[in-house]
Protein backbone atom coordinates (compact mmCIF):
# COMPACT_ATOMS: atom_id res chain seq x y z
CA MET A 1 -0.08 -0.13 -0.10
CA ARG A 2 1.21 3.30 -0.97
CA ARG A 3 1.06 6.09 1.39
CA ALA A 4 0.61 9.78 -0.08
CA PHE A 5 3.16 12.36 0.84
CA SER A 6 2.66 15.04 3.41
CA ARG A 7 2.56 18.51 2.20
CA GLN A 8 5.99 19.21 3.41
CA GLN A 9 7.71 16.31 2.12
CA LYS A 10 5.79 17.31 -1.63
CA MET A 11 7.61 21.01 -1.21
CA THR A 12 10.73 19.62 -0.34
CA ILE A 13 10.93 17.43 -3.46
CA VAL A 14 9.33 20.39 -5.80
CA PHE A 15 12.41 22.20 -4.40
CA GLY A 16 14.78 19.91 -5.02
CA ILE A 17 13.39 19.45 -8.68
CA LEU A 18 13.34 22.94 -9.30
CA CYS A 19 16.95 23.05 -8.63
CA ILE A 20 18.00 20.27 -10.58
CA VAL A 21 15.86 21.95 -13.38
CA LEU A 22 17.70 25.42 -12.68
CA ILE A 23 21.25 23.46 -13.16
CA ILE A 24 19.97 21.84 -16.62
CA VAL A 25 18.67 25.35 -18.09
CA VAL A 26 22.07 26.79 -17.09
CA LEU A 27 23.63 23.82 -18.95
CA GLN A 28 21.59 24.39 -21.76
CA LEU A 29 22.40 28.28 -21.68
CA TRP A 30 26.61 26.91 -21.58
CA LEU A 31 26.06 24.42 -24.31
CA LEU A 32 24.24 27.06 -26.74
CA THR A 33 26.83 29.56 -26.39
CA ALA A 34 29.64 26.97 -26.51
CA THR A 35 27.75 25.71 -29.59
CA MET A 36 27.45 29.09 -31.07
CA ASN A 37 31.26 30.07 -30.61
CA ALA A 38 32.47 26.78 -32.33
CA PHE A 39 30.06 27.50 -35.10
CA LEU A 40 30.95 30.82 -35.60
CA GLY A 41 34.61 29.46 -35.67
CA GLY A 42 34.08 27.51 -38.31
CA GLU A 43 33.71 24.24 -36.37
CA GLU A 44 30.69 22.62 -38.01
CA ALA A 45 31.03 19.11 -36.27
CA VAL A 46 29.73 20.44 -32.88
CA ILE A 47 26.21 21.13 -33.84
CA ILE A 48 24.40 17.66 -34.29
CA PRO A 49 26.16 16.09 -30.49
CA ALA A 50 25.20 19.40 -29.21
CA ALA A 51 21.64 19.03 -30.62
CA VAL A 52 21.30 15.51 -29.18
CA ALA A 53 22.55 16.91 -25.69
CA SER A 54 20.22 19.79 -25.63
CA MET A 55 17.28 17.52 -26.70
CA ALA A 56 18.25 15.12 -23.65
CA CYS A 57 17.94 18.18 -21.04
CA LEU A 58 14.94 18.90 -22.34
CA LEU A 59 13.46 15.54 -22.28
CA LEU A 60 14.79 15.47 -18.63
CA ASN A 61 12.90 18.48 -17.80
CA ALA A 62 9.91 17.01 -19.47
CA GLY A 63 10.22 13.98 -17.52
CA LEU A 64 10.61 16.12 -13.95
CA LEU A 65 7.62 17.87 -14.74
CA TRP A 66 5.48 15.14 -15.63
CA TYR A 67 6.90 13.70 -12.02
CA VAL A 68 5.83 16.82 -10.40
CA TYR A 69 2.07 16.61 -12.17
CA GLN A 70 1.97 13.03 -11.08
CA MET A 71 2.76 13.72 -7.49
CA GLU A 72 -0.01 16.33 -7.27
CA ARG A 73 -2.44 13.76 -8.59
CA ALA A 74 -1.53 11.33 -5.66
């Protein structure tokens, strides 16, 4: 039998998720800056790996958002 989280436990989980999301967003901004710098410098080989890494960050953020919505339903 699964017990629901208390309100304080939910807030702690949400704050932790928000910290992780903030780190991922900063990582994506750094990735965009580094990719644009490399592209403008003539290195076109970094575009596809950077796009894949950015897509992985997007999927991770979407998964965390889905988890928060699922936690609210329970």
